[in-house]
């Protein structure tokens, strides 16, 4: 799953080092529009529904945080 998340992110923003960044949302590396696009792609790719309540910056600060979010939503 981590590889798929990385592919989606790199497709969206190839200028960002997703492997090493840990404050993607907090440091505004990802804009709100980026996050909306990411959520849409995650919903389609993983057949999930990320809710408004899940749109917290800490869920989008790193690849690992996003993988945890997807895993939580899938349960």
PDB file of N, CA and C in Angstrom:
ATOM      1  N   UNK A   1       0.821  -1.188   0.000  1.00  0.00           N
ATOM      2  CA  UNK A   1       0.000   0.000   0.000  1.00  0.00           C
ATOM      3  C   UNK A   1       0.873   1.264   0.000  1.00  0.00           C
ATOM      4  N   UNK A   2       1.960   1.233   0.731  1.00  0.00           N
ATOM      5  CA  UNK A   2       2.847   2.404   0.811  1.00  0.00           C
ATOM      6  C   UNK A   2       3.363   2.800  -0.575  1.00  0.00           C
ATOM      7  N   UNK A   3       3.704   1.794  -1.380  1.00  0.00           N
ATOM      8  CA  UNK A   3       4.214   2.071  -2.736  1.00  0.00           C
ATOM      9  C   UNK A   3       3.151   2.772  -3.578  1.00  0.00           C
ATOM     10  N   UNK A   4       1.904   2.327  -3.454  1.00  0.00           N
ATOM     11  CA  UNK A   4       0.812   2.926  -4.214  1.00  0.00           C
ATOM     12  C   UNK A   4       0.593   4.373  -3.774  1.00  0.00           C
ATOM     13  N   UNK A   5       0.633   4.606  -2.462  1.00  0.00           N
ATOM     14  CA  UNK A   5       0.485   5.969  -1.942  1.00  0.00           C
ATOM     15  C   UNK A   5       1.598   6.857  -2.500  1.00  0.00           C
ATOM     16  N   UNK A   6       2.826   6.358  -2.474  1.00  0.00           N
ATOM     17  CA  UNK A   6       3.954   7.123  -3.014  1.00  0.00           C
ATOM     18  C   UNK A   6       3.765   7.439  -4.493  1.00  0.00           C
ATOM     19  N   UNK A   7       3.301   6.471  -5.254  1.00  0.00           N
ATOM     20  CA  UNK A   7       3.076   6.683  -6.689  1.00  0.00           C
ATOM     21  C   UNK A   7       2.052   7.785  -6.913  1.00  0.00           C
ATOM     22  N   UNK A   8       0.955   7.742  -6.160  1.00  0.00           N
ATOM     23  CA  UNK A   8      -0.099   8.757  -6.286  1.00  0.00           C
ATOM     24  C   UNK A   8       0.465  10.134  -5.963  1.00  0.00           C
ATOM     25  N   UNK A   9       1.220  10.225  -4.875  1.00  0.00           N
ATOM     26  CA  UNK A   9       1.772  11.511  -4.455  1.00  0.00           C
ATOM     27  C   UNK A   9       2.783  12.044  -5.457  1.00  0.00           C
ATOM     28  N   UNK A  10       3.649  11.177  -5.947  1.00  0.00           N
ATOM     29  CA  UNK A  10       4.679  11.614  -6.897  1.00  0.00           C
ATOM     30  C   UNK A  10       4.071  12.011  -8.236  1.00  0.00           C
ATOM     31  N   UNK A  11       2.963  11.373  -8.594  1.00  0.00           N
ATOM     32  CA  UNK A  11       2.247  11.743  -9.809  1.00  0.00           C
ATOM     33  C   UNK A  11       1.697  13.170  -9.682  1.00  0.00           C
ATOM     34  N   UNK A  12       1.186  13.464  -8.493  1.00  0.00           N
ATOM     35  CA  UNK A  12       0.581  14.766  -8.240  1.00  0.00           C
ATOM     36  C   UNK A  12       1.631  15.875  -8.123  1.00  0.00           C
ATOM     37  N   UNK A  13       2.695  15.606  -7.372  1.00  0.00           N
ATOM     38  CA  UNK A  13       3.729  16.617  -7.102  1.00  0.00           C
ATOM     39  C   UNK A  13       5.103  15.974  -7.191  1.00  0.00           C
ATOM     40  N   UNK A  14       5.661  15.922  -8.376  1.00  0.00           N
ATOM     41  CA  UNK A  14       6.971  15.280  -8.545  1.00  0.00           C
ATOM     42  C   UNK A  14       8.115  16.132  -7.996  1.00  0.00           C
ATOM     43  N   UNK A  15       7.813  17.372  -7.591  1.00  0.00           N
ATOM     44  CA  UNK A  15       8.838  18.270  -7.052  1.00  0.00           C
ATOM     45  C   UNK A  15       9.067  18.090  -5.543  1.00  0.00           C
ATOM     46  N   UNK A  16       8.321  17.192  -4.899  1.00  0.00           N
ATOM     47  CA  UNK A  16       8.396  17.021  -3.441  1.00  0.00           C
ATOM     48  C   UNK A  16       9.085  15.703  -3.097  1.00  0.00           C
ATOM     49  N   UNK A  17       9.927  15.734  -2.081  1.00  0.00           N
ATOM     50  CA  UNK A  17      10.607  14.525  -1.595  1.00  0.00           C
ATOM     51  C   UNK A  17       9.718  13.848  -0.541  1.00  0.00           C
ATOM     52  N   UNK A  18       8.754  13.070  -1.012  1.00  0.00           N
ATOM     53  CA  UNK A  18       7.782  12.455  -0.112  1.00  0.00           C
ATOM     54  C   UNK A  18       8.402  11.433   0.830  1.00  0.00           C
ATOM     55  N   UNK A  19       9.517  10.842   0.446  1.00  0.00           N
ATOM     56  CA  UNK A  19      10.171   9.844   1.301  1.00  0.00           C
ATOM     57  C   UNK A  19      10.687  10.460   2.599  1.00  0.00           C
ATOM     58  N   UNK A  20      11.103  11.715   2.560  1.00  0.00           N
ATOM     59  CA  UNK A  20      11.771  12.323   3.711  1.00  0.00           C
ATOM     60  C   UNK A  20      10.994  13.429   4.407  1.00  0.00           C
ATOM     61  N   UNK A  21       9.973  13.965   3.770  1.00  0.00           N
ATOM     62  CA  UNK A  21       9.202  15.054   4.376  1.00  0.00           C
ATOM     63  C   UNK A  21       8.265  14.510   5.455  1.00  0.00           C
ATOM     64  N   UNK A  22       8.195  15.205   6.586  1.00  0.00           N
ATOM     65  CA  UNK A  22       7.317  14.782   7.682  1.00  0.00           C
ATOM     66  C   UNK A  22       6.355  15.886   8.119  1.00  0.00           C
ATOM     67  N   UNK A  23       6.371  16.997   7.399  1.00  0.00           N
ATOM     68  CA  UNK A  23       5.458  18.101   7.726  1.00  0.00           C
ATOM     69  C   UNK A  23       4.859  18.659   6.440  1.00  0.00           C
ATOM     70  N   UNK A  24       4.363  17.771   5.600  1.00  0.00           N
ATOM     71  CA  UNK A  24       3.838  18.176   4.295  1.00  0.00           C
ATOM     72  C   UNK A  24       2.692  19.180   4.421  1.00  0.00           C
ATOM     73  N   UNK A  25       1.791  18.947   5.368  1.00  0.00           N
ATOM     74  CA  UNK A  25       0.656  19.863   5.552  1.00  0.00           C
ATOM     75  C   UNK A  25       1.048  21.028   6.456  1.00  0.00           C
ATOM     76  N   UNK A  26       1.716  20.734   7.563  1.00  0.00           N
ATOM     77  CA  UNK A  26       2.080  21.785   8.517  1.00  0.00           C
ATOM     78  C   UNK A  26       2.952  22.866   7.886  1.00  0.00           C
ATOM     79  N   UNK A  27       3.882  22.466   7.032  1.00  0.00           N
ATOM     80  CA  UNK A  27       4.768  23.432   6.374  1.00  0.00           C
ATOM     81  C   UNK A  27       4.201  23.942   5.045  1.00  0.00           C
ATOM     82  N   UNK A  28       2.964  23.588   4.766  1.00  0.00           N
ATOM     83  CA  UNK A  28       2.247  24.017   3.551  1.00  0.00           C
ATOM     84  C   UNK A  28       2.966  23.617   2.255  1.00  0.00           C
ATOM     85  N   UNK A  29       3.654  22.492   2.316  1.00  0.00           N
ATOM     86  CA  UNK A  29       4.259  21.939   1.098  1.00  0.00           C
ATOM     87  C   UNK A  29       3.130  21.443   0.193  1.00  0.00           C
ATOM     88  N   UNK A  30       2.110  20.851   0.833  1.00  0.00           N
ATOM     89  CA  UNK A  30       0.898  20.475   0.115  1.00  0.00           C
ATOM     90  C   UNK A  30      -0.158  21.539   0.377  1.00  0.00           C
ATOM     91  N   UNK A  31      -0.768  22.033  -0.697  1.00  0.00           N
ATOM     92  CA  UNK A  31      -1.843  23.011  -0.550  1.00  0.00           C
ATOM     93  C   UNK A  31      -3.158  22.291  -0.253  1.00  0.00           C
ATOM     94  N   UNK A  32      -4.163  23.037   0.098  1.00  0.00           N
ATOM     95  CA  UNK A  32      -5.474  22.424   0.340  1.00  0.00           C
ATOM     96  C   UNK A  32      -5.997  21.760  -0.934  1.00  0.00           C
ATOM     97  N   UNK A  33      -5.704  22.347  -2.081  1.00  0.00           N
ATOM     98  CA  UNK A  33      -6.124  21.728  -3.346  1.00  0.00           C
ATOM     99  C   UNK A  33      -5.390  20.416  -3.591  1.00  0.00           C
ATOM    100  N   UNK A  34      -4.096  20.369  -3.233  1.00  0.00           N
ATOM    101  CA  UNK A  34      -3.349  19.114  -3.342  1.00  0.00           C
ATOM    102  C   UNK A  34      -4.017  18.033  -2.486  1.00  0.00           C
ATOM    103  N   UNK A  35      -4.380  18.393  -1.266  1.00  0.00           N
ATOM    104  CA  UNK A  35      -4.971  17.417  -0.345  1.00  0.00           C
ATOM    105  C   UNK A  35      -6.316  16.935  -0.873  1.00  0.00           C
ATOM    106  N   UNK A  36      -7.119  17.835  -1.427  1.00  0.00           N
ATOM    107  CA  UNK A  36      -8.399  17.431  -2.026  1.00  0.00           C
ATOM    108  C   UNK A  36      -8.152  16.435  -3.163  1.00  0.00           C
ATOM    109  N   UNK A  37      -7.155  16.707  -3.996  1.00  0.00           N
ATOM    110  CA  UNK A  37      -6.816  15.787  -5.096  1.00  0.00           C
ATOM    111  C   UNK A  37      -6.347  14.444  -4.565  1.00  0.00           C
ATOM    112  N   UNK A  38      -5.515  14.476  -3.528  1.00  0.00           N
ATOM    113  CA  UNK A  38      -5.004  13.240  -2.924  1.00  0.00           C
ATOM    114  C   UNK A  38      -6.150  12.413  -2.365  1.00  0.00           C
ATOM    115  N   UNK A  39      -7.057  13.061  -1.640  1.00  0.00           N
ATOM    116  CA  UNK A  39      -8.202  12.343  -1.050  1.00  0.00           C
ATOM    117  C   UNK A  39      -9.023  11.678  -2.147  1.00  0.00           C
ATOM    118  N   UNK A  40      -9.277  12.397  -3.234  1.00  0.00           N
ATOM    119  CA  UNK A  40     -10.038  11.825  -4.347  1.00  0.00           C
ATOM    120  C   UNK A  40      -9.349  10.602  -4.937  1.00  0.00           C
ATOM    121  N   UNK A  41      -8.046  10.694  -5.115  1.00  0.00           N
ATOM    122  CA  UNK A  41      -7.297   9.563  -5.674  1.00  0.00           C
ATOM    123  C   UNK A  41      -7.264   8.387  -4.699  1.00  0.00           C
ATOM    124  N   UNK A  42      -7.082   8.670  -3.396  1.00  0.00           N
ATOM    125  CA  UNK A  42      -7.100   7.594  -2.395  1.00  0.00           C
ATOM    126  C   UNK A  42      -8.465   6.924  -2.365  1.00  0.00           C
ATOM    127  N   UNK A  43      -9.537   7.717  -2.394  1.00  0.00           N
ATOM    128  CA  UNK A  43     -10.887   7.148  -2.375  1.00  0.00           C
ATOM    129  C   UNK A  43     -11.092   6.201  -3.548  1.00  0.00           C
ATOM    130  N   UNK A  44     -10.643   6.609  -4.735  1.00  0.00           N
ATOM    131  CA  UNK A  44     -10.797   5.770  -5.930  1.00  0.00           C
ATOM    132  C   UNK A  44      -9.894   4.542  -5.881  1.00  0.00           C
ATOM    133  N   UNK A  45      -8.627   4.756  -5.575  1.00  0.00           N
ATOM    134  CA  UNK A  45      -7.639   3.670  -5.612  1.00  0.00           C
ATOM    135  C   UNK A  45      -7.914   2.594  -4.569  1.00  0.00           C
ATOM    136  N   UNK A  46      -8.296   3.005  -3.363  1.00  0.00           N
ATOM    137  CA  UNK A  46      -8.450   2.051  -2.266  1.00  0.00           C
ATOM    138  C   UNK A  46      -9.912   1.748  -1.947  1.00  0.00           C
ATOM    139  N   UNK A  47     -10.832   2.300  -2.765  1.00  0.00           N
ATOM    140  CA  UNK A  47     -12.263   2.079  -2.592  1.00  0.00           C
ATOM    141  C   UNK A  47     -12.691   2.385  -1.150  1.00  0.00           C
ATOM    142  N   UNK A  48     -12.346   3.604  -0.716  1.00  0.00           N
ATOM    143  CA  UNK A  48     -12.675   4.065   0.629  1.00  0.00           C
ATOM    144  C   UNK A  48     -13.378   5.406   0.535  1.00  0.00           C
ATOM    145  N   UNK A  49     -13.825   5.905   1.661  1.00  0.00           N
ATOM    146  CA  UNK A  49     -14.435   7.235   1.736  1.00  0.00           C
ATOM    147  C   UNK A  49     -13.816   7.973   2.905  1.00  0.00           C
ATOM    148  N   UNK A  50     -12.856   8.840   2.610  1.00  0.00           N
ATOM    149  CA  UNK A  50     -12.218   9.650   3.641  1.00  0.00           C
ATOM    150  C   UNK A  50     -13.182  10.789   3.976  1.00  0.00           C
ATOM    151  N   UNK A  51     -13.535  10.915   5.252  1.00  0.00           N
ATOM    152  CA  UNK A  51     -14.550  11.889   5.663  1.00  0.00           C
ATOM    153  C   UNK A  51     -13.923  13.256   5.948  1.00  0.00           C
ATOM    154  N   UNK A  52     -14.793  14.232   6.074  1.00  0.00           N
ATOM    155  CA  UNK A  52     -14.383  15.597   6.407  1.00  0.00           C
ATOM    156  C   UNK A  52     -13.594  15.608   7.721  1.00  0.00           C
ATOM    157  N   UNK A  53     -14.025  14.797   8.678  1.00  0.00           N
ATOM    158  CA  UNK A  53     -13.367  14.743   9.979  1.00  0.00           C
ATOM    159  C   UNK A  53     -11.910  14.286   9.864  1.00  0.00           C
ATOM    160  N   UNK A  54     -11.605  13.527   8.812  1.00  0.00           N
ATOM    161  CA  UNK A  54     -10.242  13.011   8.614  1.00  0.00           C
ATOM    162  C   UNK A  54      -9.317  14.011   7.926  1.00  0.00           C
ATOM    163  N   UNK A  55      -9.850  15.149   7.516  1.00  0.00           N
ATOM    164  CA  UNK A  55      -9.037  16.132   6.794  1.00  0.00           C
ATOM    165  C   UNK A  55      -8.255  17.018   7.763  1.00  0.00           C
ATOM    166  N   UNK A  56      -7.544  16.381   8.661  1.00  0.00           N
ATOM    167  CA  UNK A  56      -6.693  17.057   9.635  1.00  0.00           C
ATOM    168  C   UNK A  56      -5.260  17.072   9.108  1.00  0.00           C
ATOM    169  N   UNK A  57      -4.520  18.147   9.339  1.00  0.00           N
ATOM    170  CA  UNK A  57      -3.143  18.216   8.830  1.00  0.00           C
ATOM    171  C   UNK A  57      -2.276  17.021   9.226  1.00  0.00           C
ATOM    172  N   UNK A  58      -2.413  16.536  10.461  1.00  0.00           N
ATOM    173  CA  UNK A  58      -1.559  15.420  10.895  1.00  0.00           C
ATOM    174  C   UNK A  58      -1.774  14.156  10.064  1.00  0.00           C
ATOM    175  N   UNK A  59      -2.916  14.022   9.402  1.00  0.00           N
ATOM    176  CA  UNK A  59      -3.156  12.857   8.542  1.00  0.00           C
ATOM    177  C   UNK A  59      -2.458  12.968   7.194  1.00  0.00           C
ATOM    178  N   UNK A  60      -1.920  14.142   6.886  1.00  0.00           N
ATOM    179  CA  UNK A  60      -1.305  14.380   5.573  1.00  0.00           C
ATOM    180  C   UNK A  60       0.119  14.924   5.674  1.00  0.00           C
ATOM    181  N   UNK A  61       0.746  14.795   6.836  1.00  0.00           N
ATOM    182  CA  UNK A  61       2.097  15.316   7.020  1.00  0.00           C
ATOM    183  C   UNK A  61       3.179  14.422   6.437  1.00  0.00           C
ATOM    184  N   UNK A  62       2.894  13.136   6.270  1.00  0.00           N
ATOM    185  CA  UNK A  62       3.909  12.214   5.745  1.00  0.00           C
ATOM    186  C   UNK A  62       3.226  11.058   5.033  1.00  0.00           C
ATOM    187  N   UNK A  63       4.012  10.319   4.275  1.00  0.00           N
ATOM    188  CA  UNK A  63       3.499   9.127   3.602  1.00  0.00           C
ATOM    189  C   UNK A  63       2.966   8.144   4.641  1.00  0.00           C
ATOM    190  N   UNK A  64       3.711   7.941   5.722  1.00  0.00           N
ATOM    191  CA  UNK A  64       3.280   6.991   6.749  1.00  0.00           C
ATOM    192  C   UNK A  64       1.958   7.410   7.386  1.00  0.00           C
ATOM    193  N   UNK A  65       1.784   8.712   7.621  1.00  0.00           N
ATOM    194  CA  UNK A  65       0.525   9.203   8.189  1.00  0.00           C
ATOM    195  C   UNK A  65      -0.635   8.929   7.237  1.00  0.00           C
ATOM    196  N   UNK A  66      -0.397   9.075   5.946  1.00  0.00           N
ATOM    197  CA  UNK A  66      -1.453   8.823   4.961  1.00  0.00           C
ATOM    198  C   UNK A  66      -1.783   7.329   4.890  1.00  0.00           C
ATOM    199  N   UNK A  67      -0.762   6.493   4.969  1.00  0.00           N
ATOM    200  CA  UNK A  67      -0.991   5.035   4.977  1.00  0.00           C
ATOM    201  C   UNK A  67      -1.813   4.660   6.214  1.00  0.00           C
ATOM    202  N   UNK A  68      -1.474   5.241   7.359  1.00  0.00           N
ATOM    203  CA  UNK A  68      -2.241   4.974   8.584  1.00  0.00           C
ATOM    204  C   UNK A  68      -3.685   5.416   8.427  1.00  0.00           C
ATOM    205  N   UNK A  69      -3.908   6.573   7.820  1.00  0.00           N
ATOM    206  CA  UNK A  69      -5.264   7.075   7.578  1.00  0.00           C
ATOM    207  C   UNK A  69      -6.046   6.091   6.711  1.00  0.00           C
ATOM    208  N   UNK A  70      -5.461   5.667   5.615  1.00  0.00           N
ATOM    209  CA  UNK A  70      -6.144   4.727   4.712  1.00  0.00           C
ATOM    210  C   UNK A  70      -6.470   3.439   5.447  1.00  0.00           C
ATOM    211  N   UNK A  71      -5.522   2.923   6.197  1.00  0.00           N
ATOM    212  CA  UNK A  71      -5.728   1.680   6.952  1.00  0.00           C
ATOM    213  C   UNK A  71      -6.885   1.848   7.946  1.00  0.00           C
ATOM    214  N   UNK A  72      -6.910   2.967   8.634  1.00  0.00           N
ATOM    215  CA  UNK A  72      -7.969   3.244   9.620  1.00  0.00           C
ATOM    216  C   UNK A  72      -9.327   3.317   8.940  1.00  0.00           C
ATOM    217  N   UNK A  73      -9.411   3.985   7.799  1.00  0.00           N
ATOM    218  CA  UNK A  73     -10.677   4.143   7.093  1.00  0.00           C
ATOM    219  C   UNK A  73     -11.151   2.801   6.533  1.00  0.00           C
ATOM    220  N   UNK A  74     -10.242   1.934   6.160  1.00  0.00           N
ATOM    221  CA  UNK A  74     -10.605   0.631   5.594  1.00  0.00           C
ATOM    222  C   UNK A  74     -11.217  -0.305   6.637  1.00  0.00           C
ATOM    223  N   UNK A  75     -10.930  -0.061   7.912  1.00  0.00           N
ATOM    224  CA  UNK A  75     -11.386  -0.984   8.962  1.00  0.00           C
ATOM    225  C   UNK A  75     -12.867  -0.889   9.232  1.00  0.00           C
TER     226      UNK A  75
END
